[in-house]
N, C-alpha and C. Protein backbone atom coordinates (compact mmCIF):
# COMPACT_ATOMS: atom_id res chain seq x y z
N UNK A 1 84.94 15.64 105.36
CA UNK A 1 86.20 16.47 105.26
C UNK A 1 85.94 17.86 104.77
N UNK A 2 84.77 18.01 103.90
CA UNK A 2 84.69 19.37 103.55
C UNK A 2 83.98 20.34 104.59
N UNK A 3 83.11 19.52 105.43
CA UNK A 3 82.53 20.13 106.61
C UNK A 3 83.54 20.67 107.49
N UNK A 4 84.56 19.74 107.89
CA UNK A 4 85.50 19.90 108.89
C UNK A 4 86.48 21.20 108.53
N UNK A 5 86.67 21.30 106.94
CA UNK A 5 87.55 22.38 106.54
C UNK A 5 86.80 23.56 106.60
N UNK A 6 85.48 23.46 106.28
CA UNK A 6 84.65 24.88 106.32
C UNK A 6 84.50 25.31 107.79
N UNK A 7 84.37 24.27 108.77
CA UNK A 7 84.24 24.67 110.15
C UNK A 7 85.57 25.35 110.58
N UNK A 8 86.80 24.84 110.10
CA UNK A 8 87.87 25.57 110.60
C UNK A 8 87.93 26.93 109.80
N UNK A 9 87.61 27.18 108.62
CA UNK A 9 87.77 28.42 108.03
C UNK A 9 86.64 29.49 108.70
N UNK A 10 85.45 29.01 108.78
CA UNK A 10 84.61 29.97 109.37
C UNK A 10 84.17 29.78 110.82
N UNK A 11 84.64 28.82 111.49
CA UNK A 11 84.57 28.81 113.00
C UNK A 11 83.16 28.15 113.26
N UNK A 12 82.36 27.62 112.23
CA UNK A 12 80.98 27.05 112.51
C UNK A 12 80.98 25.78 111.76
N UNK A 13 80.14 24.93 112.27
CA UNK A 13 79.89 23.66 111.45
C UNK A 13 78.83 23.95 110.56
N UNK A 14 78.80 23.26 109.39
CA UNK A 14 77.59 23.36 108.41
C UNK A 14 76.73 22.27 108.62
N UNK A 15 75.58 22.46 108.30
CA UNK A 15 74.49 21.42 108.60
C UNK A 15 74.45 20.63 107.32
N UNK A 16 74.02 19.33 107.43
CA UNK A 16 73.82 18.61 106.43
C UNK A 16 72.55 19.15 105.42
N UNK A 17 72.64 18.96 104.06
CA UNK A 17 71.53 19.46 103.30
C UNK A 17 70.25 19.09 103.72
N UNK A 18 69.99 17.91 104.40
CA UNK A 18 68.75 17.38 104.76
C UNK A 18 68.26 18.35 105.81
N UNK A 19 69.04 18.92 106.56
CA UNK A 19 68.61 19.84 107.70
C UNK A 19 68.36 21.28 107.19
N UNK A 20 68.83 21.55 105.95
CA UNK A 20 68.61 23.03 105.36
C UNK A 20 67.16 23.21 105.05
N UNK A 21 66.79 24.42 105.48
CA UNK A 21 65.36 24.79 105.00
C UNK A 21 65.24 24.72 103.40
N UNK A 22 64.08 24.41 103.07
CA UNK A 22 63.77 24.41 101.49
C UNK A 22 63.92 25.81 100.96
N UNK A 23 64.55 26.05 99.87
CA UNK A 23 64.70 27.37 99.12
C UNK A 23 63.49 27.61 98.23
N UNK A 24 63.14 26.46 97.62
CA UNK A 24 62.15 26.46 96.58
C UNK A 24 60.83 25.63 97.03
N UNK A 25 59.80 26.13 96.94
CA UNK A 25 58.63 25.19 97.11
C UNK A 25 58.29 24.48 96.05
N UNK A 26 57.82 23.25 96.33
CA UNK A 26 57.45 22.30 95.21
C UNK A 26 56.01 22.58 95.04
N UNK A 27 55.54 23.29 93.96
CA UNK A 27 54.17 23.55 93.83
C UNK A 27 53.83 22.89 92.45
N UNK A 28 52.70 22.38 92.28
CA UNK A 28 52.25 21.62 91.16
C UNK A 28 52.17 22.64 89.93
N UNK A 29 52.99 22.13 88.76
CA UNK A 29 52.96 22.88 87.63
C UNK A 29 51.54 23.08 87.02
N UNK A 30 51.19 24.09 86.59
CA UNK A 30 49.82 24.31 85.88
C UNK A 30 49.76 23.76 84.57
N UNK A 31 48.63 23.03 84.25
CA UNK A 31 48.64 22.40 82.98
C UNK A 31 48.36 23.49 81.93
N UNK A 32 48.93 23.18 80.71
CA UNK A 32 48.74 23.84 79.60
C UNK A 32 47.23 23.81 79.10
N UNK A 33 46.66 24.91 78.57
CA UNK A 33 45.18 24.72 78.15
C UNK A 33 45.09 23.71 77.06
N UNK A 34 44.00 22.89 77.10
CA UNK A 34 43.75 21.85 75.93
C UNK A 34 43.74 22.44 74.55
N UNK A 35 43.18 23.76 74.51
CA UNK A 35 43.17 24.27 73.21
C UNK A 35 43.85 25.60 73.27
N UNK A 36 45.27 25.70 72.82
CA UNK A 36 45.89 27.08 72.95
C UNK A 36 45.04 28.24 72.05
N UNK A 37 44.98 29.37 72.76
CA UNK A 37 44.31 30.37 72.01
C UNK A 37 45.51 31.11 70.89
N UNK A 38 45.22 31.12 69.89
CA UNK A 38 45.92 31.84 68.74
C UNK A 38 45.71 33.29 68.85
N UNK A 39 46.94 34.02 69.03
CA UNK A 39 46.92 35.51 69.00
C UNK A 39 47.37 35.95 67.68
N UNK A 40 46.69 36.86 66.96
CA UNK A 40 47.15 37.18 65.69
C UNK A 40 48.27 38.16 65.84
N UNK A 41 49.24 38.00 65.15
CA UNK A 41 50.54 38.93 65.18
C UNK A 41 50.16 40.35 65.07
N UNK A 42 50.77 41.25 65.90
CA UNK A 42 50.66 42.67 65.59
C UNK A 42 51.63 43.03 64.28
N UNK A 43 51.10 43.96 63.60
CA UNK A 43 52.06 44.38 62.42
C UNK A 43 53.28 45.23 63.14
N UNK A 44 54.25 44.90 62.63
CA UNK A 44 55.57 45.44 63.30
C UNK A 44 55.43 46.98 62.77
N UNK A 45 55.68 47.82 63.98
CA UNK A 45 55.83 49.35 63.57
C UNK A 45 57.23 49.58 63.18
N UNK A 46 57.40 50.44 62.12
CA UNK A 46 58.79 50.71 61.88
C UNK A 46 59.38 51.50 62.92
N UNK A 47 60.60 51.47 63.06
CA UNK A 47 61.54 52.13 63.92
C UNK A 47 61.84 53.45 63.44
N UNK A 48 62.06 54.43 64.48
CA UNK A 48 62.41 55.83 64.02
C UNK A 48 63.78 55.82 63.09
N UNK A 49 64.57 55.08 63.57
CA UNK A 49 65.90 55.01 62.88
C UNK A 49 65.79 54.62 61.45
N UNK A 50 64.88 53.62 61.30
CA UNK A 50 64.71 53.23 59.81
C UNK A 50 64.10 54.25 59.03
N UNK A 51 63.21 54.96 59.40
CA UNK A 51 62.52 56.07 58.82
C UNK A 51 63.53 57.42 58.62
N UNK A 52 64.25 57.67 59.67
CA UNK A 52 65.21 58.63 59.56
C UNK A 52 66.19 58.15 58.29
N UNK A 53 66.68 57.06 58.28
CA UNK A 53 67.65 56.61 57.32
C UNK A 53 67.04 56.63 55.94
N UNK A 54 65.87 56.22 55.80
CA UNK A 54 65.07 56.44 54.56
C UNK A 54 65.02 57.92 54.10
N UNK A 55 64.65 58.69 55.05
CA UNK A 55 64.52 60.15 54.71
C UNK A 55 65.93 60.78 54.14
N UNK A 56 67.08 60.37 54.94
CA UNK A 56 68.39 60.75 54.58
C UNK A 56 68.87 60.36 53.23
N UNK A 57 68.53 59.09 52.88
CA UNK A 57 68.80 58.32 51.68
C UNK A 57 68.21 59.05 50.52
N UNK A 58 66.92 59.15 50.65
CA UNK A 58 66.21 59.79 49.45
C UNK A 58 66.61 61.21 49.36
N UNK A 59 66.92 61.98 50.39
CA UNK A 59 67.46 63.30 50.23
C UNK A 59 68.80 63.33 49.47
N UNK A 60 69.57 62.43 49.96
CA UNK A 60 71.00 62.34 49.19
C UNK A 60 70.82 61.92 47.61
N UNK A 61 69.99 60.86 47.45
CA UNK A 61 69.82 60.49 46.02
C UNK A 61 69.05 61.53 45.23
N UNK A 62 68.26 62.30 45.78
CA UNK A 62 67.47 63.38 45.12
C UNK A 62 68.44 64.41 44.84
N UNK A 63 69.53 64.61 45.37
CA UNK A 63 70.63 65.63 45.07
C UNK A 63 71.52 65.05 44.06
N UNK A 64 71.48 63.69 43.89
CA UNK A 64 72.44 63.01 43.07
C UNK A 64 73.91 62.94 43.64
N UNK A 65 74.05 62.79 45.02
CA UNK A 65 75.33 62.78 45.60
C UNK A 65 75.59 61.42 46.10
N UNK A 66 76.95 61.28 46.19
CA UNK A 66 77.49 59.87 46.85
C UNK A 66 77.49 59.98 48.20
N UNK A 67 77.60 58.68 48.90
CA UNK A 67 77.65 58.60 50.36
C UNK A 67 78.94 59.36 50.84
N UNK A 68 79.89 59.05 49.93
CA UNK A 68 81.38 59.67 50.42
C UNK A 68 81.23 61.23 50.47
N UNK A 69 80.70 61.82 49.62
CA UNK A 69 80.53 63.31 49.43
C UNK A 69 79.79 63.91 50.75
N UNK A 70 78.54 63.28 50.92
CA UNK A 70 77.82 63.81 51.96
C UNK A 70 78.38 63.48 53.44
N UNK A 71 78.98 62.32 53.42
CA UNK A 71 79.70 61.95 54.89
C UNK A 71 80.83 62.89 54.97
N UNK A 72 81.57 63.20 54.09
CA UNK A 72 82.75 64.27 54.13
C UNK A 72 82.32 65.48 54.45
N UNK A 73 81.20 66.15 54.02
CA UNK A 73 80.73 67.46 54.38
C UNK A 73 80.20 67.28 55.83
N UNK A 74 79.51 66.24 56.23
CA UNK A 74 79.17 66.07 57.53
C UNK A 74 80.07 65.68 58.69
N UNK A 75 81.15 65.33 58.07
CA UNK A 75 82.40 64.97 59.01
C UNK A 75 81.97 63.73 59.70
N UNK A 76 81.47 62.69 59.09
CA UNK A 76 81.14 61.44 59.45
C UNK A 76 81.70 60.48 58.44
N UNK A 77 82.08 59.18 58.91
CA UNK A 77 82.59 58.21 57.97
C UNK A 77 81.40 57.80 56.99
N UNK A 78 81.88 57.31 55.78
CA UNK A 78 80.88 56.90 54.88
C UNK A 78 80.25 55.53 55.39
N UNK A 79 80.88 54.78 56.08
CA UNK A 79 80.45 53.52 56.57
C UNK A 79 79.21 53.88 57.70
N UNK A 80 79.56 54.95 58.48
CA UNK A 80 78.50 55.24 59.45
C UNK A 80 77.31 55.85 58.89
N UNK A 81 77.47 56.55 57.86
CA UNK A 81 76.35 57.14 57.10
C UNK A 81 75.46 56.10 56.54
N UNK A 82 76.17 55.07 55.84
CA UNK A 82 75.56 54.06 55.37
C UNK A 82 74.75 53.19 56.30
N UNK A 83 75.32 52.90 57.62
CA UNK A 83 74.61 52.23 58.53
C UNK A 83 73.23 53.10 59.07
N UNK A 84 73.38 54.28 58.94
CA UNK A 84 72.24 55.11 59.28
C UNK A 84 71.31 54.98 58.39
N UNK A 85 71.63 55.13 57.07
CA UNK A 85 70.62 55.26 55.97
C UNK A 85 69.94 53.81 55.95
N UNK A 86 70.68 52.74 56.28
CA UNK A 86 70.00 51.34 56.37
C UNK A 86 69.29 51.08 57.62
N UNK A 87 69.20 51.90 58.56
CA UNK A 87 68.57 51.83 59.79
C UNK A 87 69.13 51.07 60.85
N UNK A 88 70.51 50.70 60.72
CA UNK A 88 71.14 49.91 61.69
C UNK A 88 71.69 50.81 62.81
N UNK A 89 71.85 52.13 62.67
CA UNK A 89 72.42 53.12 63.64
C UNK A 89 71.39 54.12 63.86
N UNK A 90 71.32 54.52 65.14
CA UNK A 90 70.38 55.73 65.50
C UNK A 90 71.34 56.78 65.69
N UNK A 91 71.20 57.88 64.86
CA UNK A 91 72.10 59.08 65.05
C UNK A 91 71.62 60.03 66.09
N UNK A 92 72.49 60.67 66.78
CA UNK A 92 72.27 61.62 67.69
C UNK A 92 71.64 62.94 67.08
N UNK A 93 71.29 63.78 67.74
CA UNK A 93 70.70 65.01 67.28
C UNK A 93 71.83 65.87 66.56
N UNK A 94 72.90 65.83 67.04
CA UNK A 94 74.13 66.51 66.56
C UNK A 94 74.48 65.88 65.00
N UNK A 95 74.48 64.56 65.00
CA UNK A 95 74.74 64.03 63.95
C UNK A 95 73.62 64.31 62.78
N UNK A 96 72.46 64.12 63.10
CA UNK A 96 71.40 64.56 62.30
C UNK A 96 71.41 66.01 61.85
N UNK A 97 71.82 67.03 62.73
CA UNK A 97 71.97 68.34 62.31
C UNK A 97 73.06 68.31 61.32
N UNK A 98 74.20 67.76 61.62
CA UNK A 98 75.37 67.74 60.56
C UNK A 98 75.04 67.07 59.11
N UNK A 99 74.25 65.97 59.18
CA UNK A 99 73.74 65.47 58.01
C UNK A 99 72.75 66.29 57.37
N UNK A 100 72.01 66.94 58.00
CA UNK A 100 70.93 67.81 57.33
C UNK A 100 71.77 69.10 56.77
N UNK A 101 72.76 69.51 57.35
CA UNK A 101 73.38 70.61 56.82
C UNK A 101 74.12 70.27 55.58
N UNK A 102 74.64 68.99 55.56
CA UNK A 102 75.43 68.52 54.34
C UNK A 102 74.40 68.27 53.12
N UNK A 103 73.11 68.14 53.42
CA UNK A 103 72.09 67.93 52.65
C UNK A 103 71.42 69.14 52.19
N UNK A 104 71.56 70.31 52.78
CA UNK A 104 71.04 71.60 52.98
C UNK A 104 69.61 71.60 53.35
N UNK A 105 69.36 70.73 54.27
CA UNK A 105 67.92 70.62 54.87
C UNK A 105 68.13 70.93 56.33
N UNK A 106 67.24 71.52 56.86
CA UNK A 106 67.22 71.83 58.49
C UNK A 106 66.78 70.51 59.24
N UNK A 107 66.96 70.58 60.49
CA UNK A 107 66.49 69.58 61.32
C UNK A 107 64.96 69.37 61.41
N UNK A 108 64.23 70.70 61.18
CA UNK A 108 62.84 70.65 61.16
C UNK A 108 62.54 70.00 59.92
N UNK A 109 63.06 70.36 58.69
CA UNK A 109 62.62 69.51 57.41
C UNK A 109 62.89 68.06 57.59
N UNK A 110 64.08 67.64 58.19
CA UNK A 110 64.31 66.16 58.27
C UNK A 110 63.28 65.44 59.16
N UNK A 111 63.00 66.00 60.24
CA UNK A 111 62.09 65.52 61.20
C UNK A 111 60.59 65.44 60.69
N UNK A 112 60.36 66.68 59.95
CA UNK A 112 58.85 66.67 59.24
C UNK A 112 58.70 65.55 58.27
N UNK A 113 59.84 65.37 57.69
CA UNK A 113 59.68 64.19 56.64
C UNK A 113 59.48 62.92 57.14
N UNK A 114 60.29 62.66 58.24
CA UNK A 114 60.02 61.46 58.95
C UNK A 114 58.55 61.24 59.62
N UNK A 115 58.01 62.39 60.07
CA UNK A 115 56.58 62.40 60.70
C UNK A 115 55.69 62.06 59.55
N UNK A 116 55.94 62.65 58.30
CA UNK A 116 55.00 62.41 57.17
C UNK A 116 55.12 60.90 56.82
N UNK A 117 56.26 60.42 57.00
CA UNK A 117 56.36 58.90 56.72
C UNK A 117 55.58 58.12 57.61
N UNK A 118 55.60 58.46 58.78
CA UNK A 118 54.92 57.68 60.02
C UNK A 118 53.48 57.73 59.75
N UNK A 119 53.02 59.03 59.34
CA UNK A 119 51.53 59.17 59.17
C UNK A 119 51.15 58.40 57.88
N UNK A 120 51.88 58.34 56.88
CA UNK A 120 51.40 57.72 55.59
C UNK A 120 51.49 56.30 55.86
N UNK A 121 52.31 55.78 56.63
CA UNK A 121 52.42 54.33 56.80
C UNK A 121 51.48 53.83 57.79
N UNK A 122 51.01 54.69 58.66
CA UNK A 122 50.01 54.32 59.71
C UNK A 122 48.65 54.06 59.12
N UNK A 123 48.39 54.74 58.24
CA UNK A 123 46.95 54.52 57.61
C UNK A 123 45.81 54.80 58.55
N UNK A 124 44.70 54.92 57.99
CA UNK A 124 43.49 55.18 58.69
C UNK A 124 42.93 53.89 59.53
N UNK A 125 43.46 52.74 58.98
CA UNK A 125 42.95 51.48 59.60
C UNK A 125 43.59 51.09 61.10
N UNK A 126 44.77 51.88 61.12
CA UNK A 126 45.54 51.56 62.39
C UNK A 126 44.85 52.38 63.54
N UNK A 127 44.71 51.57 64.81
CA UNK A 127 44.26 52.33 65.92
C UNK A 127 45.04 53.50 66.40
N UNK A 128 46.43 53.26 66.21
CA UNK A 128 47.51 54.29 66.74
C UNK A 128 47.31 55.50 65.79
N UNK A 129 46.96 55.35 64.68
CA UNK A 129 46.74 56.45 63.62
C UNK A 129 45.61 57.34 64.09
N UNK A 130 44.54 56.66 64.58
CA UNK A 130 43.44 57.57 65.09
C UNK A 130 43.80 58.21 66.19
N UNK A 131 44.58 57.97 67.14
CA UNK A 131 45.11 58.52 68.26
C UNK A 131 46.12 59.72 68.07
N UNK A 132 47.03 59.49 67.08
CA UNK A 132 48.07 60.47 66.96
C UNK A 132 47.78 61.55 65.88
N UNK A 133 48.38 62.62 66.01
CA UNK A 133 48.27 63.80 65.07
C UNK A 133 49.52 64.28 64.67
N UNK A 134 49.83 64.46 63.41
CA UNK A 134 50.94 65.06 62.74
C UNK A 134 50.54 66.44 62.12
N UNK A 135 51.13 67.35 62.59
CA UNK A 135 50.93 68.66 62.00
C UNK A 135 52.15 69.22 61.65
N UNK A 136 52.37 69.59 60.31
CA UNK A 136 53.71 70.15 59.71
C UNK A 136 53.32 71.42 59.33
N UNK A 137 53.88 72.47 59.77
CA UNK A 137 53.83 73.68 59.15
C UNK A 137 54.85 74.58 58.87
N UNK A 138 55.20 75.64 58.35
CA UNK A 138 56.44 76.33 58.06
C UNK A 138 57.02 76.57 59.32
N UNK A 139 56.28 76.95 60.42
CA UNK A 139 56.98 77.43 61.53
C UNK A 139 57.16 76.62 62.85
N UNK A 140 56.19 75.52 62.69
CA UNK A 140 56.09 74.50 63.83
C UNK A 140 56.07 73.18 63.36
N UNK A 141 56.36 72.31 64.27
CA UNK A 141 56.33 70.76 64.10
C UNK A 141 55.76 70.24 65.34
N UNK A 142 54.77 69.44 65.36
CA UNK A 142 54.04 68.78 66.40
C UNK A 142 53.78 67.52 66.10
N UNK A 143 54.25 66.38 66.96
CA UNK A 143 54.10 65.02 66.79
C UNK A 143 53.63 64.58 68.20
N UNK A 144 52.18 64.42 68.26
CA UNK A 144 51.82 63.90 69.46
C UNK A 144 51.07 62.63 69.47
N UNK A 145 51.40 61.79 70.55
CA UNK A 145 50.80 60.43 70.56
C UNK A 145 49.58 60.33 71.41
């Protein structure tokens, strides 16, 4: 019945499934190795947004200011600032500049602080640390990977 209805709608007859070409090849599954190789877990690298949040929170606390005061001056909600400080939200450059202004820190000072955190956390034993360079000076900021 279905084939007749399909033929009426499309103007062609459908072929039985047995006549259809195979869409998936039946290939033998590969056997799992007898002794699985254990791969040591890589240490999780901290995310930029987490380090930015730490830098902002430490700046705010060093000034002895509340979330509400800093958020008000930056014209963001206290909830949003809290999420940024906890590393749950990644602020845009405009928001970072506003928060930096509210904390009387330039964008250069904020990003330099984050770069210093990255460098100190990387340590000399990390292969990535030996390939990266952090240079913070009064007039320039360079973070090269």
